[in-house]
Amino acid sequence: METPLLPRHLRTEVETALRAARVVNVIGPRQAGKTTLVRDLLGTGRFITLDDTGVLTAVETDPYGQMTTMAAAAGDAPVIIDEIQRSRSLAIAIKRIVDEQRRPGQFLLTGSSNVFATASIADSLAGRVQTLTLMPLSSAEIHMKGPAKILDWGASANASPQELPQPPVMERGRYIDLLIRGGYPEIRVLPDRIRNRRYRDVINAIVEKDVADVLKVRKSDALRRVIDQLAARTAEELSVEALCAVSGIQRATFEQYVDVLTSLGLLTRLGAWASGATKREIKRPKVHFMDCGVVAALRGFDSESFGPNGDPVAFGHLVETFVFTELAKSIPFQSRDWRLWHWRNQDGREVDIVAECGNWLVAVEVKASSTLNADDIANLRWFKSHGPGRTRNVTGITFYLGDQVLSFGDRLFAIPLSMFWAW
């Protein structure tokens, strides 16, 4: 049985970009759904994939001639080129064609890395390319709902529970199932064992193919060790020294690996927010994988892993990564421009995620439990009233596994995780 096509929020962004830019470049990790988006959901354009060796050979032999012929055949529709990073020659040919025609929507490209990221190509295509990032499915897309507007709500003057939609009721087991399945469309629907194997296959393909497109890796086993160690530390501060020691590689190599894995959309480094008010703030970034299903597969988690005898620390980190990725996926659809950070000081006080927009902060804590008490929001209260948030407009949110929106006064709230698919 075929996997049903789920709506992607980025579709509207792609359609808008095609009306404004000559080249639209959709990047994102392998298996996130880029091909389905541009080939099946958009329903327009002339499609080729460079995963086809014969097509790639023909294109590399005469890139300008092949693209000119395809553009003529496509007419007013875009030429859609899947896995553009496989070609070393197409970028310059595409630049030549779009400079000759000078109309929007000529090319729609997909790739696991940004083929236009090199300085020379980026400079030559300035003003011609709009790049969009497709992440794995958000929980809102999985539940066929609209993008979550939680951050904009947090920055509204009248933020209150009454201004939020009613969150769906979810029990703990369903939350666990949602997290460990992840957001890769064709993989998340599979049974535990098969799903975990497929996710590990994706990691192998990233190491053997996608990384090779942008970096020569002499020892792929060392890169796999790095990925495994990072998966075990998702939602933790990144200690490069400790990871180099356990992985057996030099710091420069480790940093290079993390840069490439970040550019391929597998993980991200969440920077430390600096208030400017104290020198006692910790500056190390956190590392987050961009999909909980990948973390679960690399660590061998399944639907039984977080029962009464499960590891509460590992589950807490998985839930925090889930909240971070959900917020990151929602940012393009907010009415404001938001940036995400984390914060900690040397006294041990911390905020899991700090969303910043102008003078507004939405300070986020994550609790992997279905009940809360006053102590669970004490840290946010201190951050807002006595910490670096006291000079800013701050809304504090504690995400948890319960089913009610709770107000603790002074713009401090507890919100169920299911709010991410309530809009």
Protein backbone atom coordinates (compact mmCIF):
# COMPACT_ATOMS: atom_id res chain seq x y z
CA MET A 1 0.00 0.00 0.00
CA GLU A 2 1.36 3.40 -0.98
CA THR A 3 2.02 5.99 1.71
CA PRO A 4 -0.60 8.78 1.38
CA LEU A 5 0.78 12.19 0.42
CA LEU A 6 0.73 14.53 3.38
CA PRO A 7 0.38 18.28 2.88
CA ARG A 8 3.61 20.25 3.25
CA HIS A 9 3.46 23.76 4.62
CA LEU A 10 6.41 24.74 2.42
CA ARG A 11 4.38 24.19 -0.74
CA THR A 12 2.89 27.69 -0.55
CA GLU A 13 6.34 29.15 0.04
CA VAL A 14 7.69 27.36 -3.04
CA GLU A 15 4.80 28.56 -5.20
CA THR A 16 5.32 32.13 -4.00
CA ALA A 17 9.08 31.90 -4.61
CA LEU A 18 8.54 30.66 -8.18
CA ARG A 19 6.62 33.86 -8.90
CA ALA A 20 9.45 36.03 -7.58
CA ALA A 21 12.83 34.35 -8.24
CA ARG A 22 14.34 32.98 -11.43
CA VAL A 23 15.72 29.96 -9.56
CA VAL A 24 14.17 28.34 -6.49
CA ASN A 25 16.43 25.98 -4.57
CA VAL A 26 14.82 23.57 -2.07
CA ILE A 27 17.36 21.94 0.24
CA GLY A 28 16.94 19.48 3.07
CA PRO A 29 18.04 16.08 4.34
CA ARG A 30 17.75 12.89 2.32
CA GLN A 31 14.27 11.28 2.49
CA ALA A 32 12.64 14.40 3.97
CA GLY A 33 10.20 14.60 1.05
CA LYS A 34 11.81 17.09 -1.36
CA THR A 35 11.17 14.98 -4.47
CA THR A 36 7.55 14.36 -3.51
CA LEU A 37 7.03 18.07 -2.90
CA VAL A 38 8.37 19.30 -6.24
CA ARG A 39 7.22 16.38 -8.42
CA ASP A 40 3.88 15.28 -6.95
CA LEU A 41 2.47 18.05 -4.76
CA LEU A 42 3.18 21.04 -7.01
CA GLY A 43 1.81 19.36 -10.13
CA THR A 44 3.74 21.49 -12.63
CA GLY A 45 7.10 21.53 -14.42
CA ARG A 46 9.41 19.20 -16.32
CA PHE A 47 11.14 16.81 -13.92
CA ILE A 48 14.55 15.08 -14.09
CA THR A 49 16.62 13.49 -11.36
CA LEU A 50 20.40 13.40 -11.29
CA ASP A 51 20.22 10.20 -9.23
CA ASP A 52 19.81 8.62 -12.69
CA THR A 53 23.40 7.97 -13.85
CA GLY A 54 22.50 8.24 -17.52
CA VAL A 55 20.82 11.60 -17.05
CA LEU A 56 23.73 12.87 -14.97
CA THR A 57 26.25 11.81 -17.62
CA ALA A 58 24.29 13.56 -20.36
CA VAL A 59 23.94 16.73 -18.32
CA GLU A 60 27.62 16.82 -17.40
CA THR A 61 28.63 16.33 -21.04
CA ASP A 62 26.67 19.35 -22.29
CA PRO A 63 25.06 21.21 -19.36
CA TYR A 64 24.08 24.38 -21.26
CA GLY A 65 22.70 22.50 -24.26
CA GLN A 66 20.70 20.05 -22.15
CA MET A 67 19.24 22.79 -19.95
CA THR A 68 18.35 24.99 -22.92
CA THR A 69 16.48 22.10 -24.56
CA MET A 70 14.63 21.27 -21.34
CA ALA A 71 13.72 24.89 -20.68
CA ALA A 72 12.27 25.22 -24.18
CA ALA A 73 10.23 22.03 -23.72
CA ALA A 74 8.94 23.21 -20.32
CA GLY A 75 7.62 26.47 -21.72
CA ASP A 76 6.39 28.70 -18.89
CA ALA A 77 6.65 25.89 -16.33
CA PRO A 78 9.85 25.38 -14.35
CA VAL A 79 12.54 22.83 -15.13
CA ILE A 80 12.69 20.69 -11.97
CA ILE A 81 16.10 19.17 -11.25
CA ASP A 82 16.24 16.69 -8.38
CA GLU A 83 19.52 16.04 -6.50
CA ILE A 84 21.25 19.03 -8.10
CA GLN A 85 24.32 18.60 -5.88
CA ARG A 86 25.34 15.57 -7.98
CA SER A 87 26.42 17.91 -10.80
CA ARG A 88 29.54 20.05 -10.79
CA SER A 89 28.62 21.92 -13.96
CA LEU A 90 24.96 22.87 -13.89
CA ALA A 91 25.11 25.97 -11.69
CA ILE A 92 27.02 28.04 -14.24
CA ALA A 93 24.82 26.81 -17.11
CA ILE A 94 21.68 27.72 -15.15
CA LYS A 95 23.08 31.19 -14.43
CA ARG A 96 23.68 31.76 -18.14
CA ILE A 97 20.13 30.69 -19.07
CA VAL A 98 18.32 32.73 -16.42
CA ASP A 99 20.37 35.79 -17.35
CA GLU A 100 19.29 35.37 -20.96
CA GLN A 101 15.58 34.91 -20.13
CA ARG A 102 15.29 37.06 -16.97
CA ARG A 103 11.85 35.77 -15.93
CA PRO A 104 10.88 34.19 -12.61
CA GLY A 105 10.21 30.51 -12.10
CA GLN A 106 12.60 29.06 -14.69
CA PHE A 107 14.27 26.42 -12.49
CA LEU A 108 13.20 24.54 -9.37
CA LEU A 109 16.05 22.60 -7.81
CA THR A 110 16.34 20.16 -4.91
CA GLY A 111 19.38 18.88 -3.09
CA SER A 112 20.62 17.60 0.23
CA SER A 113 23.17 20.41 0.29
CA ASN A 114 23.21 23.91 -1.08
CA VAL A 115 24.94 23.75 -4.48
CA PHE A 116 25.02 27.56 -4.53
CA ALA A 117 26.81 27.91 -1.21
CA THR A 118 30.31 28.35 -2.65
CA ALA A 119 31.38 31.98 -2.72
CA SER A 120 31.98 32.25 -6.48
CA ILE A 121 28.61 30.77 -7.48
CA ALA A 122 26.73 32.61 -4.75
CA ASP A 123 28.15 35.93 -5.92
CA SER A 124 27.34 35.28 -9.57
CA LEU A 125 23.75 34.24 -8.77
CA ALA A 126 23.03 36.98 -6.24
CA GLY A 127 19.46 38.17 -6.67
CA ARG A 128 18.52 35.23 -8.89
CA VAL A 129 18.12 32.37 -6.39
CA GLN A 130 15.79 31.91 -3.44
CA THR A 131 16.71 29.00 -1.18
CA LEU A 132 14.09 27.26 0.99
CA THR A 133 14.68 24.46 3.49
CA LEU A 134 12.38 21.44 3.73
CA MET A 135 12.73 19.69 7.07
CA PRO A 136 11.17 16.33 7.97
CA LEU A 137 7.43 16.43 8.64
CA SER A 138 6.28 18.60 11.50
CA SER A 139 3.68 17.19 13.88
CA ALA A 140 1.18 19.64 12.36
CA GLU A 141 1.80 18.20 8.89
CA ILE A 142 1.51 14.65 10.23
CA HIS A 143 -1.89 15.54 11.73
CA MET A 144 -2.85 17.57 8.62
CA LYS A 145 -3.13 20.82 10.55
CA GLY A 146 -1.86 24.33 9.91
CA PRO A 147 1.51 25.66 11.11
CA ALA A 148 1.69 26.29 14.86
CA LYS A 149 1.73 30.03 15.64
CA ILE A 150 2.92 29.62 19.22
CA LEU A 151 5.80 32.10 18.99
CA ASP A 152 3.63 34.86 17.54
CA TRP A 153 1.06 34.15 20.27
CA GLY A 154 3.84 34.48 22.85
CA ALA A 155 4.72 37.94 21.54
CA SER A 156 1.14 39.20 21.40
CA ALA A 157 0.04 41.83 23.86
CA ASN A 158 -2.92 39.76 25.04
CA ALA A 159 -1.29 36.31 25.23
CA SER A 160 -3.69 34.21 27.27
CA PRO A 161 -5.04 30.65 27.21
CA GLN A 162 -8.24 31.97 25.64
CA GLU A 163 -6.28 33.08 22.57
CA LEU A 164 -4.97 29.55 21.94
CA PRO A 165 -6.79 26.71 20.16
CA GLN A 166 -7.89 23.70 22.17
CA PRO A 167 -5.02 21.18 22.27
CA PRO A 168 -5.86 17.56 21.35
CA VAL A 169 -5.82 15.13 24.26
CA MET A 170 -2.86 12.75 24.04
CA GLU A 171 -1.79 10.03 26.46
CA ARG A 172 1.86 9.33 27.16
CA GLY A 173 2.05 6.25 24.94
CA ARG A 174 0.86 8.19 21.90
CA TYR A 175 3.38 10.94 22.57
CA ILE A 176 6.15 8.34 22.71
CA ASP A 177 4.97 6.77 19.47
CA LEU A 178 4.92 10.16 17.73
CA LEU A 179 8.48 10.96 18.84
CA ILE A 180 10.15 7.67 17.98
CA ARG A 181 8.51 7.46 14.55
CA GLY A 182 10.07 10.76 13.50
CA GLY A 183 9.12 12.87 10.52
CA TYR A 184 10.50 11.11 7.44
CA PRO A 185 7.33 10.48 5.39
CA GLU A 186 7.98 7.01 3.98
CA ILE A 187 9.83 5.68 7.03
CA ARG A 188 7.73 6.84 9.98
CA VAL A 189 4.80 4.56 9.10
CA LEU A 190 6.88 1.34 9.34
CA PRO A 191 6.98 -1.08 12.31
CA ASP A 192 9.66 -0.46 14.96
CA ARG A 193 12.39 -2.81 13.79
CA ILE A 194 12.01 -2.12 10.09
CA ARG A 195 11.71 1.62 10.71
CA ASN A 196 14.90 1.76 12.78
CA ARG A 197 16.75 -0.21 10.10
CA ARG A 198 15.56 2.19 7.40
CA TYR A 199 16.64 5.22 9.42
CA ARG A 200 20.08 3.68 9.85
CA ASP A 201 20.15 3.08 6.08
CA VAL A 202 19.51 6.79 5.61
CA ILE A 203 22.47 7.60 7.85
CA ASN A 204 24.65 5.21 5.85
CA ALA A 205 23.57 6.89 2.61
CA ILE A 206 24.34 10.30 4.07
CA VAL A 207 27.83 9.14 5.04
CA GLU A 208 28.58 7.31 1.79
CA LYS A 209 26.89 9.65 -0.72
CA ASP A 210 25.81 13.05 0.56
CA VAL A 211 28.89 13.79 2.66
CA ALA A 212 31.06 12.67 -0.26
CA ASP A 213 29.45 15.41 -2.40
CA VAL A 214 30.88 18.12 -0.16
CA LEU A 215 33.77 16.55 1.76
CA LYS A 216 36.36 13.82 1.30
CA VAL A 217 36.10 11.47 4.27
CA ARG A 218 39.05 9.14 4.61
CA LYS A 219 37.56 7.07 7.42
CA SER A 220 33.79 6.74 7.21
CA ASP A 221 33.77 4.63 10.40
CA ALA A 222 35.06 7.66 12.33
CA LEU A 223 32.24 9.80 10.95
CA ARG A 224 29.71 7.14 11.96
CA ARG A 225 31.15 7.13 15.49
CA VAL A 226 30.72 10.90 15.63
CA ILE A 227 27.08 10.61 14.51
CA ASP A 228 26.37 7.92 17.12
CA GLN A 229 27.97 9.98 19.89
CA LEU A 230 26.08 13.11 18.88
CA ALA A 231 22.80 11.18 18.83
CA ALA A 232 23.49 10.08 22.41
CA ARG A 233 23.94 13.75 23.34
CA THR A 234 21.04 15.44 21.56
CA ALA A 235 19.74 18.39 23.63
CA GLU A 236 23.05 18.56 25.52
CA GLU A 237 25.75 21.22 25.39
CA LEU A 238 28.40 20.37 22.84
CA SER A 239 31.67 19.39 24.50
CA VAL A 240 34.08 19.12 21.58
CA GLU A 241 36.96 17.90 23.74
CA ALA A 242 34.96 15.03 25.22
CA LEU A 243 33.55 13.98 21.86
CA CYS A 244 36.96 14.04 20.21
CA ALA A 245 38.34 11.85 22.98
CA VAL A 246 35.60 9.25 22.69
CA SER A 247 35.56 9.35 18.87
CA GLY A 248 39.34 9.22 18.47
CA ILE A 249 39.61 12.12 16.03
CA GLN A 250 41.25 15.54 15.97
CA ARG A 251 39.29 18.68 16.84
CA ALA A 252 39.58 20.17 13.33
CA THR A 253 38.19 16.97 11.82
CA PHE A 254 35.35 16.85 14.31
CA GLU A 255 34.38 20.47 13.63
CA GLN A 256 34.44 19.74 9.90
CA TYR A 257 32.18 16.72 10.35
CA VAL A 258 29.68 18.71 12.41
CA ASP A 259 29.67 21.51 9.82
CA VAL A 260 28.87 19.06 7.03
CA LEU A 261 26.19 17.21 9.00
CA THR A 262 24.63 20.59 9.78
CA SER A 263 24.67 21.65 6.13
CA LEU A 264 22.99 18.34 5.22
CA GLY A 265 20.17 19.02 7.67
CA LEU A 266 20.91 16.11 10.01
CA LEU A 267 21.60 18.22 13.08
CA THR A 268 22.09 21.78 14.25
CA ARG A 269 24.09 23.66 16.83
CA LEU A 270 21.81 25.82 18.98
CA GLY A 271 23.83 28.85 19.98
CA ALA A 272 23.99 30.28 23.48
CA TRP A 273 21.94 33.42 24.00
CA ALA A 274 23.89 36.28 25.56
CA SER A 275 22.01 38.93 27.50
CA GLY A 276 24.99 41.26 27.70
CA ALA A 277 24.20 41.76 31.36
CA THR A 278 26.54 39.21 32.91
CA LYS A 279 29.88 37.59 32.21
CA ARG A 280 28.81 34.43 33.98
CA GLU A 281 26.79 33.08 31.07
CA ILE A 282 27.91 29.84 29.43
CA LYS A 283 28.71 30.24 25.73
CA ARG A 284 28.79 26.63 24.51
CA PRO A 285 26.13 25.64 21.96
CA LYS A 286 23.74 22.75 22.35
CA VAL A 287 23.46 20.08 19.69
CA HIS A 288 20.06 18.93 18.44
CA PHE A 289 19.30 16.29 15.84
CA MET A 290 16.63 17.57 13.47
CA ASP A 291 14.54 14.41 13.76
CA CYS A 292 13.66 12.36 16.82
CA GLY A 293 13.09 9.22 14.73
CA VAL A 294 16.73 9.27 13.62
CA VAL A 295 17.86 9.62 17.23
CA ALA A 296 15.60 6.74 18.29
CA ALA A 297 16.96 4.50 15.53
CA LEU A 298 20.61 5.29 16.28
CA ARG A 299 20.06 4.61 19.97
CA GLY A 300 17.89 1.53 19.47
CA PHE A 301 14.74 2.98 21.03
CA ASP A 302 11.34 1.53 20.22
CA SER A 303 7.77 1.75 21.51
CA GLU A 304 8.73 -0.12 24.71
CA SER A 305 11.81 1.94 25.58
CA PHE A 306 10.20 4.56 27.78
CA GLY A 307 7.95 2.52 30.01
CA PRO A 308 8.35 2.28 33.82
CA ASN A 309 11.91 0.97 33.48
CA GLY A 310 12.94 3.37 30.72
CA ASP A 311 15.70 5.98 30.91
CA PRO A 312 14.02 9.24 32.01
CA VAL A 313 17.05 11.36 31.07
CA ALA A 314 17.13 10.00 27.52
CA PHE A 315 13.40 10.54 27.19
CA GLY A 316 13.70 14.08 28.50
CA HIS A 317 16.35 14.89 25.92
CA LEU A 318 14.23 13.37 23.16
CA VAL A 319 11.23 15.49 24.17
CA GLU A 320 13.38 18.64 24.30
CA THR A 321 14.73 17.92 20.82
CA PHE A 322 11.17 17.41 19.61
CA VAL A 323 10.09 20.81 20.95
CA PHE A 324 13.14 22.51 19.45
CA THR A 325 12.56 21.01 16.01
CA GLU A 326 8.85 21.85 16.12
CA LEU A 327 9.64 25.47 16.91
CA ALA A 328 12.31 25.57 14.19
CA LYS A 329 9.88 24.15 11.62
CA SER A 330 7.24 26.72 12.57
CA ILE A 331 9.46 29.81 12.26
CA PRO A 332 9.00 30.39 8.48
CA PHE A 333 5.23 30.62 9.05
CA GLN A 334 5.23 33.16 11.88
CA SER A 335 4.45 36.79 11.11
CA ARG A 336 7.67 37.85 12.88
CA ASP A 337 11.29 36.87 12.36
CA TRP A 338 12.45 34.65 15.22
CA ARG A 339 15.83 33.21 16.19
CA LEU A 340 16.34 30.30 18.58
CA TRP A 341 18.99 30.00 21.29
CA HIS A 342 19.54 28.32 24.66
CA TRP A 343 20.74 29.95 27.87
CA ARG A 344 22.64 28.87 30.97
CA ASN A 345 24.74 30.61 33.58
CA GLN A 346 27.47 29.38 35.89
CA ASP A 347 25.03 29.20 38.80
CA GLY A 348 23.24 26.33 37.09
CA ARG A 349 20.16 28.24 36.00
CA GLU A 350 19.13 27.54 32.43
CA VAL A 351 16.42 27.94 29.84
CA ASP A 352 16.12 25.11 27.32
CA ILE A 353 15.17 27.35 24.37
CA VAL A 354 15.10 31.13 24.05
CA ALA A 355 13.20 32.47 21.04
CA GLU A 356 14.15 36.07 20.27
CA CYS A 357 12.43 38.67 18.10
CA GLY A 358 13.37 42.31 18.66
CA ASN A 359 12.75 43.08 22.32
CA TRP A 360 10.52 40.01 22.73
CA LEU A 361 11.71 36.74 24.24
CA VAL A 362 9.74 33.51 24.47
CA ALA A 363 11.57 31.47 27.11
CA VAL A 364 10.85 27.75 26.82
CA GLU A 365 11.34 24.93 29.28
CA VAL A 366 10.50 21.30 28.47
CA LYS A 367 9.23 18.73 30.98
CA ALA A 368 8.78 15.08 29.97
CA SER A 369 5.90 14.56 32.40
CA SER A 370 2.12 14.85 32.31
CA THR A 371 1.79 16.85 35.54
CA LEU A 372 3.44 20.05 36.76
CA ASN A 373 3.76 22.02 39.97
CA ALA A 374 4.98 25.49 40.90
CA ASP A 375 8.61 24.32 41.10
CA ASP A 376 8.52 23.38 37.42
CA ILE A 377 8.07 26.99 36.37
CA ALA A 378 10.31 28.53 39.08
CA ASN A 379 13.27 28.83 36.73
CA LEU A 380 11.26 30.70 34.10
CA ARG A 381 9.85 32.98 36.80
CA TRP A 382 13.39 33.81 37.99
CA PHE A 383 14.64 34.36 34.42
CA LYS A 384 11.77 36.77 33.74
CA SER A 385 11.69 38.66 37.03
CA HIS A 386 15.26 38.59 38.36
CA GLY A 387 17.42 37.23 35.54
CA PRO A 388 18.44 38.60 32.14
CA GLY A 389 14.81 38.68 30.96
CA ARG A 390 13.86 41.45 33.40
CA THR A 391 14.75 44.17 30.86
CA ARG A 392 12.88 42.49 28.01
CA ASN A 393 9.31 41.56 27.13
CA VAL A 394 9.20 37.88 28.14
CA THR A 395 6.61 35.15 27.84
CA GLY A 396 7.53 31.91 29.59
CA ILE A 397 6.25 28.56 28.31
CA THR A 398 6.74 25.14 29.84
CA PHE A 399 5.84 22.41 27.35
CA TYR A 400 4.70 19.17 28.96
CA LEU A 401 2.84 15.94 28.24
CA GLY A 402 -0.43 16.95 29.86
CA ASP A 403 -3.66 18.02 28.19
CA GLN A 404 -4.45 21.46 29.63
CA VAL A 405 -3.12 24.97 29.11
CA LEU A 406 -2.26 26.34 32.55
CA SER A 407 -1.60 29.95 33.53
CA PHE A 408 0.75 30.76 36.42
CA GLY A 409 0.41 34.53 36.15
CA ASP A 410 2.86 37.14 34.88
CA ARG A 411 2.78 35.68 31.31
CA LEU A 412 3.98 32.25 32.47
CA PHE A 413 2.15 29.25 31.00
CA ALA A 414 2.25 25.48 30.74
CA ILE A 415 1.23 24.20 27.30
CA PRO A 416 0.73 20.59 26.13
CA LEU A 417 2.98 19.32 23.34
CA SER A 418 -0.17 18.64 21.34
CA MET A 419 -0.58 22.39 20.88
CA PHE A 420 1.88 22.04 17.98
CA TRP A 421 -0.89 20.41 15.94
CA ALA A 422 -3.89 22.32 17.26
CA TRP A 423 -3.92 25.23 14.75
